[in-house]
Amino acid sequence: MSEIINNEKEIKKRNRIRIYLIIVSIVSIILILPTIPFILAAFFMFSAPLTHDSIIQSISVASLIFFPFIVFGSLIPSWVLFASKKHFLSILFVSIPILDAFIYGLTMAYKMILCNGSFDC
C-alpha cells in the first residue's frame, strides 16, 4: 500500500516539474522575439562617452546579447536531465534564462535609478 502512495507522490512531483519546465520554456522562447531589436541596438549602447569603461553597461549588454544562446543552451539540457530523472538539475538549468533576464533588469534599474538614465555611469 505504501508503495502505491509513494509512486503516486512521485508521479505528482514529476508532473509539477514537467509543468514548470513547459511554462518556463514557452516564456523563455517567447521572450527571445522582443529582445531581437534590443540585441541589434545593443552595440550602440557603447557610443556614448565613457560607456566602454562601465562594468554595469558591459554586463547589461552581455546579458542581452547572450540571452537567445542561454535559452537554447539551457532548455535542451534541462529536458534531457528531466528525461533522465535528474529533476533538481533540470529545474536549475531551466531557471538560467530567468536569472539572465533578472540580471539585465537589475542593470537597467541601476542605470535608471542611480545614473538618471545615463549610460556613462
PDB file of N, CA and C in Angstrom:
ATOM      1  N   MET A   1       0.820  -1.196   0.000  1.00  0.00           N
ATOM      2  CA  MET A   1       0.000   0.000   0.000  1.00  0.00           C
ATOM      3  C   MET A   1       0.863   1.259   0.000  1.00  0.00           C
ATOM      4  N   SER A   2       1.913   1.281   0.825  1.00  0.00           N
ATOM      5  CA  SER A   2       2.774   2.461   0.873  1.00  0.00           C
ATOM      6  C   SER A   2       3.555   2.635  -0.423  1.00  0.00           C
ATOM      7  N   GLU A   3       3.783   1.526  -1.120  1.00  0.00           N
ATOM      8  CA  GLU A   3       4.479   1.588  -2.401  1.00  0.00           C
ATOM      9  C   GLU A   3       3.632   2.326  -3.433  1.00  0.00           C
ATOM     10  N   ILE A   4       2.330   2.106  -3.418  1.00  0.00           N
ATOM     11  CA  ILE A   4       1.417   2.782  -4.336  1.00  0.00           C
ATOM     12  C   ILE A   4       1.363   4.273  -4.014  1.00  0.00           C
ATOM     13  N   ILE A   5       1.326   4.617  -2.736  1.00  0.00           N
ATOM     14  CA  ILE A   5       1.285   6.025  -2.321  1.00  0.00           C
ATOM     15  C   ILE A   5       2.573   6.736  -2.720  1.00  0.00           C
ATOM     16  N   ASN A   6       3.710   6.094  -2.516  1.00  0.00           N
ATOM     17  CA  ASN A   6       4.981   6.698  -2.918  1.00  0.00           C
ATOM     18  C   ASN A   6       5.049   6.882  -4.423  1.00  0.00           C
ATOM     19  N   ASN A   7       4.530   5.920  -5.163  1.00  0.00           N
ATOM     20  CA  ASN A   7       4.526   6.022  -6.614  1.00  0.00           C
ATOM     21  C   ASN A   7       3.632   7.172  -7.077  1.00  0.00           C
ATOM     22  N   GLU A   8       2.485   7.349  -6.432  1.00  0.00           N
ATOM     23  CA  GLU A   8       1.587   8.454  -6.778  1.00  0.00           C
ATOM     24  C   GLU A   8       2.224   9.797  -6.456  1.00  0.00           C
ATOM     25  N   LYS A   9       2.924   9.884  -5.340  1.00  0.00           N
ATOM     26  CA  LYS A   9       3.610  11.123  -4.985  1.00  0.00           C
ATOM     27  C   LYS A   9       4.708  11.440  -5.994  1.00  0.00           C
ATOM     28  N   GLU A  10       5.419  10.440  -6.420  1.00  0.00           N
ATOM     29  CA  GLU A  10       6.474  10.631  -7.415  1.00  0.00           C
ATOM     30  C   GLU A  10       5.884  11.090  -8.752  1.00  0.00           C
ATOM     31  N   ILE A  11       4.755  10.534  -9.134  1.00  0.00           N
ATOM     32  CA  ILE A  11       4.097  10.941 -10.380  1.00  0.00           C
ATOM     33  C   ILE A  11       3.617  12.388 -10.283  1.00  0.00           C
ATOM     34  N   LYS A  12       3.043  12.764  -9.136  1.00  0.00           N
ATOM     35  CA  LYS A  12       2.586  14.145  -8.958  1.00  0.00           C
ATOM     36  C   LYS A  12       3.761  15.115  -8.979  1.00  0.00           C
ATOM     37  N   LYS A  13       4.853  14.732  -8.339  1.00  0.00           N
ATOM     38  CA  LYS A  13       6.049  15.570  -8.333  1.00  0.00           C
ATOM     39  C   LYS A  13       6.589  15.734  -9.754  1.00  0.00           C
ATOM     40  N   ARG A  14       6.647  14.651 -10.484  1.00  0.00           N
ATOM     41  CA  ARG A  14       7.144  14.683 -11.863  1.00  0.00           C
ATOM     42  C   ARG A  14       6.244  15.550 -12.746  1.00  0.00           C
ATOM     43  N   ASN A  15       4.942  15.477 -12.542  1.00  0.00           N
ATOM     44  CA  ASN A  15       4.012  16.297 -13.326  1.00  0.00           C
ATOM     45  C   ASN A  15       4.168  17.778 -13.008  1.00  0.00           C
ATOM     46  N   ARG A  16       4.377  18.117 -11.724  1.00  0.00           N
ATOM     47  CA  ARG A  16       4.594  19.523 -11.352  1.00  0.00           C
ATOM     48  C   ARG A  16       5.871  20.055 -11.982  1.00  0.00           C
ATOM     49  N   ILE A  17       6.908  19.259 -11.962  1.00  0.00           N
ATOM     50  CA  ILE A  17       8.174  19.681 -12.572  1.00  0.00           C
ATOM     51  C   ILE A  17       8.004  19.825 -14.077  1.00  0.00           C
ATOM     52  N   ARG A  18       7.294  18.914 -14.699  1.00  0.00           N
ATOM     53  CA  ARG A  18       7.049  18.989 -16.142  1.00  0.00           C
ATOM     54  C   ARG A  18       6.289  20.264 -16.491  1.00  0.00           C
ATOM     55  N   ILE A  19       5.285  20.616 -15.714  1.00  0.00           N
ATOM     56  CA  ILE A  19       4.512  21.836 -15.969  1.00  0.00           C
ATOM     57  C   ILE A  19       5.407  23.063 -15.823  1.00  0.00           C
ATOM     58  N   TYR A  20       6.259  23.071 -14.787  1.00  0.00           N
ATOM     59  CA  TYR A  20       7.190  24.182 -14.604  1.00  0.00           C
ATOM     60  C   TYR A  20       8.136  24.293 -15.797  1.00  0.00           C
ATOM     61  N   LEU A  21       8.669  23.172 -16.253  1.00  0.00           N
ATOM     62  CA  LEU A  21       9.569  23.177 -17.403  1.00  0.00           C
ATOM     63  C   LEU A  21       8.868  23.686 -18.659  1.00  0.00           C
ATOM     64  N   ILE A  22       7.644  23.266 -18.864  1.00  0.00           N
ATOM     65  CA  ILE A  22       6.892  23.706 -20.047  1.00  0.00           C
ATOM     66  C   ILE A  22       6.635  25.206 -19.997  1.00  0.00           C
ATOM     67  N   ILE A  23       6.201  25.712 -18.856  1.00  0.00           N
ATOM     68  CA  ILE A  23       5.880  27.139 -18.733  1.00  0.00           C
ATOM     69  C   ILE A  23       7.130  27.992 -18.928  1.00  0.00           C
ATOM     70  N   VAL A  24       8.207  27.641 -18.258  1.00  0.00           N
ATOM     71  CA  VAL A  24       9.432  28.432 -18.381  1.00  0.00           C
ATOM     72  C   VAL A  24      10.004  28.332 -19.793  1.00  0.00           C
ATOM     73  N   SER A  25       9.907  27.174 -20.408  1.00  0.00           N
ATOM     74  CA  SER A  25      10.400  27.021 -21.782  1.00  0.00           C
ATOM     75  C   SER A  25       9.618  27.907 -22.743  1.00  0.00           C
ATOM     76  N   ILE A  26       8.316  27.893 -22.639  1.00  0.00           N
ATOM     77  CA  ILE A  26       7.481  28.701 -23.536  1.00  0.00           C
ATOM     78  C   ILE A  26       7.730  30.189 -23.316  1.00  0.00           C
ATOM     79  N   VAL A  27       7.773  30.611 -22.063  1.00  0.00           N
ATOM     80  CA  VAL A  27       8.001  32.032 -21.773  1.00  0.00           C
ATOM     81  C   VAL A  27       9.387  32.467 -22.253  1.00  0.00           C
ATOM     82  N   SER A  28      10.393  31.648 -22.047  1.00  0.00           N
ATOM     83  CA  SER A  28      11.746  31.997 -22.478  1.00  0.00           C
ATOM     84  C   SER A  28      11.836  32.108 -23.992  1.00  0.00           C
ATOM     85  N   ILE A  29      11.217  31.185 -24.699  1.00  0.00           N
ATOM     86  CA  ILE A  29      11.262  31.235 -26.159  1.00  0.00           C
ATOM     87  C   ILE A  29      10.477  32.434 -26.685  1.00  0.00           C
ATOM     88  N   ILE A  30       9.354  32.747 -26.056  1.00  0.00           N
ATOM     89  CA  ILE A  30       8.579  33.917 -26.477  1.00  0.00           C
ATOM     90  C   ILE A  30       9.356  35.206 -26.209  1.00  0.00           C
ATOM     91  N   LEU A  31      10.130  35.245 -25.125  1.00  0.00           N
ATOM     92  CA  LEU A  31      10.895  36.453 -24.799  1.00  0.00           C
ATOM     93  C   LEU A  31      12.057  36.695 -25.751  1.00  0.00           C
ATOM     94  N   ILE A  32      12.426  35.707 -26.531  1.00  0.00           N
ATOM     95  CA  ILE A  32      13.507  35.918 -27.499  1.00  0.00           C
ATOM     96  C   ILE A  32      13.071  36.914 -28.568  1.00  0.00           C
ATOM     97  N   LEU A  33      11.819  36.840 -29.006  1.00  0.00           N
ATOM     98  CA  LEU A  33      11.349  37.722 -30.084  1.00  0.00           C
ATOM     99  C   LEU A  33      11.445  39.210 -29.737  1.00  0.00           C
ATOM    100  N   PRO A  34      10.990  39.659 -28.567  1.00  0.00           N
ATOM    101  CA  PRO A  34      11.125  41.094 -28.278  1.00  0.00           C
ATOM    102  C   PRO A  34      12.569  41.535 -28.033  1.00  0.00           C
ATOM    103  N   THR A  35      13.455  40.607 -27.727  1.00  0.00           N
ATOM    104  CA  THR A  35      14.830  41.019 -27.466  1.00  0.00           C
ATOM    105  C   THR A  35      15.631  41.229 -28.744  1.00  0.00           C
ATOM    106  N   ILE A  36      15.139  40.768 -29.873  1.00  0.00           N
ATOM    107  CA  ILE A  36      15.897  40.892 -31.127  1.00  0.00           C
ATOM    108  C   ILE A  36      16.195  42.359 -31.477  1.00  0.00           C
ATOM    109  N   PRO A  37      15.232  43.289 -31.427  1.00  0.00           N
ATOM    110  CA  PRO A  37      15.585  44.694 -31.706  1.00  0.00           C
ATOM    111  C   PRO A  37      16.573  45.263 -30.688  1.00  0.00           C
ATOM    112  N   PHE A  38      16.450  44.849 -29.434  1.00  0.00           N
ATOM    113  CA  PHE A  38      17.374  45.330 -28.418  1.00  0.00           C
ATOM    114  C   PHE A  38      18.777  44.782 -28.649  1.00  0.00           C
ATOM    115  N   ILE A  39      18.856  43.546 -29.110  1.00  0.00           N
ATOM    116  CA  ILE A  39      20.163  42.952 -29.411  1.00  0.00           C
ATOM    117  C   ILE A  39      20.821  43.699 -30.565  1.00  0.00           C
ATOM    118  N   LEU A  40      20.037  44.037 -31.579  1.00  0.00           N
ATOM    119  CA  LEU A  40      20.586  44.779 -32.713  1.00  0.00           C
ATOM    120  C   LEU A  40      21.031  46.185 -32.309  1.00  0.00           C
ATOM    121  N   ALA A  41      20.350  46.788 -31.356  1.00  0.00           N
ATOM    122  CA  ALA A  41      20.704  48.128 -30.898  1.00  0.00           C
ATOM    123  C   ALA A  41      21.690  48.112 -29.732  1.00  0.00           C
ATOM    124  N   ALA A  42      22.031  46.958 -29.228  1.00  0.00           N
ATOM    125  CA  ALA A  42      22.897  46.872 -28.041  1.00  0.00           C
ATOM    126  C   ALA A  42      24.281  47.446 -28.297  1.00  0.00           C
ATOM    127  N   PHE A  43      24.765  47.329 -29.506  1.00  0.00           N
ATOM    128  CA  PHE A  43      26.108  47.822 -29.792  1.00  0.00           C
ATOM    129  C   PHE A  43      26.171  49.350 -29.789  1.00  0.00           C
ATOM    130  N   PHE A  44      25.030  49.989 -29.964  1.00  0.00           N
ATOM    131  CA  PHE A  44      25.002  51.449 -29.903  1.00  0.00           C
ATOM    132  C   PHE A  44      25.021  51.955 -28.471  1.00  0.00           C
ATOM    133  N   MET A  45      24.852  51.078 -27.508  1.00  0.00           N
ATOM    134  CA  MET A  45      24.921  51.495 -26.111  1.00  0.00           C
ATOM    135  C   MET A  45      26.333  51.923 -25.727  1.00  0.00           C
ATOM    136  N   PHE A  46      27.317  51.552 -26.517  1.00  0.00           N
ATOM    137  CA  PHE A  46      28.692  51.933 -26.236  1.00  0.00           C
ATOM    138  C   PHE A  46      29.114  53.194 -26.993  1.00  0.00           C
ATOM    139  N   SER A  47      28.183  53.844 -27.694  1.00  0.00           N
ATOM    140  CA  SER A  47      28.539  55.024 -28.471  1.00  0.00           C
ATOM    141  C   SER A  47      28.615  56.294 -27.627  1.00  0.00           C
ATOM    142  N   ALA A  48      28.031  56.276 -26.436  1.00  0.00           N
ATOM    143  CA  ALA A  48      28.106  57.434 -25.551  1.00  0.00           C
ATOM    144  C   ALA A  48      29.495  57.509 -24.925  1.00  0.00           C
ATOM    145  N   PRO A  49      29.937  58.701 -24.569  1.00  0.00           N
ATOM    146  CA  PRO A  49      31.262  58.815 -23.950  1.00  0.00           C
ATOM    147  C   PRO A  49      31.331  58.057 -22.617  1.00  0.00           C
ATOM    148  N   LEU A  50      32.444  57.470 -22.350  1.00  0.00           N
ATOM    149  CA  LEU A  50      32.759  56.756 -21.105  1.00  0.00           C
ATOM    150  C   LEU A  50      31.978  55.463 -20.896  1.00  0.00           C
ATOM    151  N   THR A  51      31.215  55.011 -21.880  1.00  0.00           N
ATOM    152  CA  THR A  51      30.445  53.787 -21.676  1.00  0.00           C
ATOM    153  C   THR A  51      31.297  52.545 -21.819  1.00  0.00           C
ATOM    154  N   HIS A  52      32.397  52.618 -22.525  1.00  0.00           N
ATOM    155  CA  HIS A  52      33.233  51.440 -22.686  1.00  0.00           C
ATOM    156  C   HIS A  52      33.962  51.070 -21.399  1.00  0.00           C
ATOM    157  N   ASP A  53      34.015  51.973 -20.433  1.00  0.00           N
ATOM    158  CA  ASP A  53      34.642  51.685 -19.143  1.00  0.00           C
ATOM    159  C   ASP A  53      33.645  51.215 -18.096  1.00  0.00           C
ATOM    160  N   SER A  54      32.375  51.263 -18.398  1.00  0.00           N
ATOM    161  CA  SER A  54      31.331  50.927 -17.428  1.00  0.00           C
ATOM    162  C   SER A  54      31.129  49.412 -17.341  1.00  0.00           C
ATOM    163  N   ILE A  55      31.331  48.879 -16.167  1.00  0.00           N
ATOM    164  CA  ILE A  55      31.133  47.440 -15.954  1.00  0.00           C
ATOM    165  C   ILE A  55      29.650  47.099 -16.008  1.00  0.00           C
ATOM    166  N   ILE A  56      28.816  47.963 -15.445  1.00  0.00           N
ATOM    167  CA  ILE A  56      27.372  47.733 -15.457  1.00  0.00           C
ATOM    168  C   ILE A  56      26.862  47.699 -16.886  1.00  0.00           C
ATOM    169  N   GLN A  57      27.362  48.605 -17.718  1.00  0.00           N
ATOM    170  CA  GLN A  57      26.953  48.637 -19.124  1.00  0.00           C
ATOM    171  C   GLN A  57      27.378  47.358 -19.842  1.00  0.00           C
ATOM    172  N   SER A  58      28.581  46.891 -19.562  1.00  0.00           N
ATOM    173  CA  SER A  58      29.072  45.669 -20.201  1.00  0.00           C
ATOM    174  C   SER A  58      28.259  44.449 -19.781  1.00  0.00           C
ATOM    175  N   ILE A  59      27.914  44.384 -18.498  1.00  0.00           N
ATOM    176  CA  ILE A  59      27.095  43.269 -18.005  1.00  0.00           C
ATOM    177  C   ILE A  59      25.713  43.311 -18.643  1.00  0.00           C
ATOM    178  N   SER A  60      25.153  44.491 -18.758  1.00  0.00           N
ATOM    179  CA  SER A  60      23.829  44.655 -19.353  1.00  0.00           C
ATOM    180  C   SER A  60      23.817  44.196 -20.819  1.00  0.00           C
ATOM    181  N   VAL A  61      24.805  44.632 -21.573  1.00  0.00           N
ATOM    182  CA  VAL A  61      24.863  44.275 -22.991  1.00  0.00           C
ATOM    183  C   VAL A  61      25.138  42.775 -23.148  1.00  0.00           C
ATOM    184  N   ALA A  62      26.025  42.231 -22.336  1.00  0.00           N
ATOM    185  CA  ALA A  62      26.339  40.796 -22.435  1.00  0.00           C
ATOM    186  C   ALA A  62      25.125  39.942 -22.099  1.00  0.00           C
ATOM    187  N   SER A  63      24.388  40.313 -21.051  1.00  0.00           N
ATOM    188  CA  SER A  63      23.208  39.521 -20.692  1.00  0.00           C
ATOM    189  C   SER A  63      22.131  39.616 -21.766  1.00  0.00           C
ATOM    190  N   LEU A  64      22.079  40.738 -22.459  1.00  0.00           N
ATOM    191  CA  LEU A  64      21.104  40.902 -23.538  1.00  0.00           C
ATOM    192  C   LEU A  64      21.507  40.125 -24.788  1.00  0.00           C
ATOM    193  N   ILE A  65      22.764  40.235 -25.170  1.00  0.00           N
ATOM    194  CA  ILE A  65      23.224  39.580 -26.397  1.00  0.00           C
ATOM    195  C   ILE A  65      23.201  38.060 -26.264  1.00  0.00           C
ATOM    196  N   PHE A  66      23.584  37.552 -25.115  1.00  0.00           N
ATOM    197  CA  PHE A  66      23.680  36.108 -24.946  1.00  0.00           C
ATOM    198  C   PHE A  66      22.364  35.443 -24.539  1.00  0.00           C
ATOM    199  N   PHE A  67      21.286  36.221 -24.393  1.00  0.00           N
ATOM    200  CA  PHE A  67      20.022  35.646 -23.946  1.00  0.00           C
ATOM    201  C   PHE A  67      19.510  34.515 -24.848  1.00  0.00           C
ATOM    202  N   PRO A  68      19.470  34.677 -26.179  1.00  0.00           N
ATOM    203  CA  PRO A  68      18.977  33.557 -27.004  1.00  0.00           C
ATOM    204  C   PRO A  68      19.852  32.304 -26.885  1.00  0.00           C
ATOM    205  N   PHE A  69      21.156  32.506 -26.779  1.00  0.00           N
ATOM    206  CA  PHE A  69      22.063  31.365 -26.633  1.00  0.00           C
ATOM    207  C   PHE A  69      21.871  30.684 -25.281  1.00  0.00           C
ATOM    208  N   ILE A  70      21.631  31.488 -24.267  1.00  0.00           N
ATOM    209  CA  ILE A  70      21.395  30.937 -22.925  1.00  0.00           C
ATOM    210  C   ILE A  70      20.084  30.161 -22.908  1.00  0.00           C
ATOM    211  N   VAL A  71      19.070  30.678 -23.583  1.00  0.00           N
ATOM    212  CA  VAL A  71      17.770  29.987 -23.614  1.00  0.00           C
ATOM    213  C   VAL A  71      17.916  28.601 -24.221  1.00  0.00           C
ATOM    214  N   PHE A  72      18.464  28.541 -25.425  1.00  0.00           N
ATOM    215  CA  PHE A  72      18.566  27.237 -26.079  1.00  0.00           C
ATOM    216  C   PHE A  72      19.637  26.359 -25.441  1.00  0.00           C
ATOM    217  N   GLY A  73      20.668  26.996 -24.888  1.00  0.00           N
ATOM    218  CA  GLY A  73      21.719  26.232 -24.230  1.00  0.00           C
ATOM    219  C   GLY A  73      21.318  25.682 -22.879  1.00  0.00           C
ATOM    220  N   SER A  74      20.236  26.177 -22.323  1.00  0.00           N
ATOM    221  CA  SER A  74      19.792  25.655 -21.026  1.00  0.00           C
ATOM    222  C   SER A  74      18.512  24.837 -21.121  1.00  0.00           C
ATOM    223  N   LEU A  75      17.662  25.138 -22.097  1.00  0.00           N
ATOM    224  CA  LEU A  75      16.401  24.399 -22.201  1.00  0.00           C
ATOM    225  C   LEU A  75      16.620  22.972 -22.689  1.00  0.00           C
ATOM    226  N   ILE A  76      17.486  22.800 -23.644  1.00  0.00           N
ATOM    227  CA  ILE A  76      17.724  21.449 -24.165  1.00  0.00           C
ATOM    228  C   ILE A  76      18.313  20.538 -23.087  1.00  0.00           C
ATOM    229  N   PRO A  77      19.369  20.962 -22.375  1.00  0.00           N
ATOM    230  CA  PRO A  77      19.873  20.079 -21.302  1.00  0.00           C
ATOM    231  C   PRO A  77      18.870  19.862 -20.170  1.00  0.00           C
ATOM    232  N   SER A  78      18.030  20.867 -19.899  1.00  0.00           N
ATOM    233  CA  SER A  78      17.059  20.680 -18.819  1.00  0.00           C
ATOM    234  C   SER A  78      16.062  19.578 -19.152  1.00  0.00           C
ATOM    235  N   TRP A  79      15.626  19.509 -20.411  1.00  0.00           N
ATOM    236  CA  TRP A  79      14.699  18.445 -20.795  1.00  0.00           C
ATOM    237  C   TRP A  79      15.396  17.092 -20.829  1.00  0.00           C
ATOM    238  N   VAL A  80      16.667  17.081 -21.216  1.00  0.00           N
ATOM    239  CA  VAL A  80      17.423  15.820 -21.186  1.00  0.00           C
ATOM    240  C   VAL A  80      17.588  15.341 -19.753  1.00  0.00           C
ATOM    241  N   LEU A  81      17.900  16.274 -18.850  1.00  0.00           N
ATOM    242  CA  LEU A  81      18.031  15.907 -17.434  1.00  0.00           C
ATOM    243  C   LEU A  81      16.698  15.459 -16.850  1.00  0.00           C
ATOM    244  N   PHE A  82      15.613  16.103 -17.281  1.00  0.00           N
ATOM    245  CA  PHE A  82      14.295  15.685 -16.806  1.00  0.00           C
ATOM    246  C   PHE A  82      13.980  14.266 -17.253  1.00  0.00           C
ATOM    247  N   ALA A  83      14.336  13.949 -18.496  1.00  0.00           N
ATOM    248  CA  ALA A  83      14.082  12.600 -19.019  1.00  0.00           C
ATOM    249  C   ALA A  83      14.934  11.551 -18.303  1.00  0.00           C
ATOM    250  N   SER A  84      16.105  11.971 -17.836  1.00  0.00           N
ATOM    251  CA  SER A  84      16.959  11.023 -17.115  1.00  0.00           C
ATOM    252  C   SER A  84      16.705  11.051 -15.606  1.00  0.00           C
ATOM    253  N   LYS A  85      15.594  11.681 -15.200  1.00  0.00           N
ATOM    254  CA  LYS A  85      15.106  11.716 -13.818  1.00  0.00           C
ATOM    255  C   LYS A  85      16.044  12.436 -12.852  1.00  0.00           C
ATOM    256  N   LYS A  86      16.733  13.435 -13.361  1.00  0.00           N
ATOM    257  CA  LYS A  86      17.542  14.318 -12.519  1.00  0.00           C
ATOM    258  C   LYS A  86      16.769  15.634 -12.409  1.00  0.00           C
ATOM    259  N   HIS A  87      15.749  15.617 -11.587  1.00  0.00           N
ATOM    260  CA  HIS A  87      14.782  16.708 -11.540  1.00  0.00           C
ATOM    261  C   HIS A  87      15.379  18.009 -11.007  1.00  0.00           C
ATOM    262  N   PHE A  88      16.168  17.934  -9.964  1.00  0.00           N
ATOM    263  CA  PHE A  88      16.718  19.159  -9.385  1.00  0.00           C
ATOM    264  C   PHE A  88      17.619  19.874 -10.391  1.00  0.00           C
ATOM    265  N   LEU A  89      18.461  19.128 -11.083  1.00  0.00           N
ATOM    266  CA  LEU A  89      19.327  19.736 -12.092  1.00  0.00           C
ATOM    267  C   LEU A  89      18.532  20.301 -13.262  1.00  0.00           C
ATOM    268  N   SER A  90      17.455  19.629 -13.630  1.00  0.00           N
ATOM    269  CA  SER A  90      16.631  20.148 -14.726  1.00  0.00           C
ATOM    270  C   SER A  90      15.968  21.467 -14.332  1.00  0.00           C
ATOM    271  N   ILE A  91      15.555  21.589 -13.080  1.00  0.00           N
ATOM    272  CA  ILE A  91      14.971  22.848 -12.607  1.00  0.00           C
ATOM    273  C   ILE A  91      16.029  23.947 -12.605  1.00  0.00           C
ATOM    274  N   LEU A  92      17.241  23.618 -12.186  1.00  0.00           N
ATOM    275  CA  LEU A  92      18.313  24.613 -12.197  1.00  0.00           C
ATOM    276  C   LEU A  92      18.636  25.081 -13.610  1.00  0.00           C
ATOM    277  N   PHE A  93      18.735  24.147 -14.546  1.00  0.00           N
ATOM    278  CA  PHE A  93      19.073  24.516 -15.916  1.00  0.00           C
ATOM    279  C   PHE A  93      17.979  25.350 -16.562  1.00  0.00           C
ATOM    280  N   VAL A  94      16.723  25.009 -16.328  1.00  0.00           N
ATOM    281  CA  VAL A  94      15.641  25.758 -16.968  1.00  0.00           C
ATOM    282  C   VAL A  94      15.493  27.153 -16.341  1.00  0.00           C
ATOM    283  N   SER A  95      16.033  27.357 -15.153  1.00  0.00           N
ATOM    284  CA  SER A  95      15.933  28.657 -14.492  1.00  0.00           C
ATOM    285  C   SER A  95      17.039  29.625 -14.898  1.00  0.00           C
ATOM    286  N   ILE A  96      18.011  29.184 -15.653  1.00  0.00           N
ATOM    287  CA  ILE A  96      19.116  30.051 -16.063  1.00  0.00           C
ATOM    288  C   ILE A  96      18.633  31.236 -16.906  1.00  0.00           C
ATOM    289  N   PRO A  97      17.712  31.073 -17.876  1.00  0.00           N
ATOM    290  CA  PRO A  97      17.232  32.262 -18.609  1.00  0.00           C
ATOM    291  C   PRO A  97      16.512  33.267 -17.703  1.00  0.00           C
ATOM    292  N   ILE A  98      15.845  32.788 -16.679  1.00  0.00           N
ATOM    293  CA  ILE A  98      15.187  33.695 -15.733  1.00  0.00           C
ATOM    294  C   ILE A  98      16.241  34.510 -15.004  1.00  0.00           C
ATOM    295  N   LEU A  99      17.329  33.871 -14.616  1.00  0.00           N
ATOM    296  CA  LEU A  99      18.428  34.569 -13.950  1.00  0.00           C
ATOM    297  C   LEU A  99      19.048  35.608 -14.881  1.00  0.00           C
ATOM    298  N   ASP A 100      19.231  35.270 -16.134  1.00  0.00           N
ATOM    299  CA  ASP A 100      19.793  36.214 -17.099  1.00  0.00           C
ATOM    300  C   ASP A 100      18.877  37.424 -17.275  1.00  0.00           C
ATOM    301  N   ALA A 101      17.595  37.200 -17.405  1.00  0.00           N
ATOM    302  CA  ALA A 101      16.649  38.312 -17.538  1.00  0.00           C
ATOM    303  C   ALA A 101      16.628  39.162 -16.267  1.00  0.00           C
ATOM    304  N   PHE A 102      16.761  38.523 -15.120  1.00  0.00           N
ATOM    305  CA  PHE A 102      16.799  39.247 -13.848  1.00  0.00           C
ATOM    306  C   PHE A 102      18.058  40.121 -13.770  1.00  0.00           C
ATOM    307  N   ILE A 103      19.186  39.611 -14.212  1.00  0.00           N
ATOM    308  CA  ILE A 103      20.431  40.389 -14.212  1.00  0.00           C
ATOM    309  C   ILE A 103      20.300  41.593 -15.138  1.00  0.00           C
ATOM    310  N   TYR A 104      19.710  41.380 -16.312  1.00  0.00           N
ATOM    311  CA  TYR A 104      19.504  42.501 -17.234  1.00  0.00           C
ATOM    312  C   TYR A 104      18.578  43.546 -16.607  1.00  0.00           C
ATOM    313  N   GLY A 105      17.518  43.103 -15.975  1.00  0.00           N
ATOM    314  CA  GLY A 105      16.598  44.033 -15.320  1.00  0.00           C
ATOM    315  C   GLY A 105      17.270  44.806 -14.202  1.00  0.00           C
ATOM    316  N   LEU A 106      18.112  44.141 -13.425  1.00  0.00           N
ATOM    317  CA  LEU A 106      18.831  44.833 -12.345  1.00  0.00           C
ATOM    318  C   LEU A 106      19.800  45.880 -12.886  1.00  0.00           C
ATOM    319  N   THR A 107      20.508  45.544 -13.967  1.00  0.00           N
ATOM    320  CA  THR A 107      21.438  46.527 -14.520  1.00  0.00           C
ATOM    321  C   THR A 107      20.697  47.726 -15.106  1.00  0.00           C
ATOM    322  N   MET A 108      19.564  47.473 -15.742  1.00  0.00           N
ATOM    323  CA  MET A 108      18.790  48.596 -16.278  1.00  0.00           C
ATOM    324  C   MET A 108      18.204  49.445 -15.154  1.00  0.00           C
ATOM    325  N   ALA A 109      17.734  48.818 -14.092  1.00  0.00           N
ATOM    326  CA  ALA A 109      17.216  49.570 -12.946  1.00  0.00           C
ATOM    327  C   ALA A 109      18.328  50.378 -12.292  1.00  0.00           C
ATOM    328  N   TYR A 110      19.508  49.801 -12.199  1.00  0.00           N
ATOM    329  CA  TYR A 110      20.649  50.516 -11.628  1.00  0.00           C
ATOM    330  C   TYR A 110      20.959  51.771 -12.445  1.00  0.00           C
ATOM    331  N   LYS A 111      20.959  51.606 -13.778  1.00  0.00           N
ATOM    332  CA  LYS A 111      21.255  52.756 -14.631  1.00  0.00           C
ATOM    333  C   LYS A 111      20.154  53.807 -14.550  1.00  0.00           C
ATOM    334  N   MET A 112      18.911  53.381 -14.437  1.00  0.00           N
ATOM    335  CA  MET A 112      17.809  54.339 -14.395  1.00  0.00           C
ATOM    336  C   MET A 112      17.730  55.063 -13.044  1.00  0.00           C
ATOM    337  N   ILE A 113      18.020  54.356 -11.958  1.00  0.00           N
ATOM    338  CA  ILE A 113      17.868  54.953 -10.637  1.00  0.00           C
ATOM    339  C   ILE A 113      19.108  55.732 -10.222  1.00  0.00           C
ATOM    340  N   LEU A 114      20.256  55.092 -10.275  1.00  0.00           N
ATOM    341  CA  LEU A 114      21.461  55.733  -9.767  1.00  0.00           C
ATOM    342  C   LEU A 114      22.176  56.603 -10.783  1.00  0.00           C
ATOM    343  N   CYS A 115      21.937  56.373 -12.052  1.00  0.00           N
ATOM    344  CA  CYS A 115      22.635  57.137 -13.099  1.00  0.00           C
ATOM    345  C   CYS A 115      21.692  58.083 -13.828  1.00  0.00           C
ATOM    346  N   ASN A 116      20.472  58.194 -13.406  1.00  0.00           N
ATOM    347  CA  ASN A 116      19.468  59.052 -14.029  1.00  0.00           C
ATOM    348  C   ASN A 116      19.259  58.745 -15.506  1.00  0.00           C
ATOM    349  N   GLY A 117      19.338  57.460 -15.847  1.00  0.00           N
ATOM    350  CA  GLY A 117      19.103  57.034 -17.214  1.00  0.00           C
ATOM    351  C   GLY A 117      20.294  57.179 -18.139  1.00  0.00           C
ATOM    352  N   SER A 118      21.400  57.646 -17.603  1.00  0.00           N
ATOM    353  CA  SER A 118      22.595  57.841 -18.432  1.00  0.00           C
ATOM    354  C   SER A 118      23.351  56.524 -18.558  1.00  0.00           C
ATOM    355  N   PHE A 119      23.961  56.305 -19.700  1.00  0.00           N
ATOM    356  CA  PHE A 119      24.709  55.073 -19.916  1.00  0.00           C
ATOM    357  C   PHE A 119      26.169  55.194 -19.518  1.00  0.00           C
ATOM    358  N   ASP A 120      26.599  56.360 -19.093  1.00  0.00           N
ATOM    359  CA  ASP A 120      28.021  56.545 -18.783  1.00  0.00           C
ATOM    360  C   ASP A 120      28.309  56.513 -17.284  1.00  0.00           C
ATOM    361  N   CYS A 121      27.472  55.876 -16.535  1.00  0.00           N
ATOM    362  CA  CYS A 121      27.644  55.793 -15.087  1.00  0.00           C
ATOM    363  C   CYS A 121      28.536  54.639 -14.703  1.00  0.00           C
TER     364      CYS A 121
END
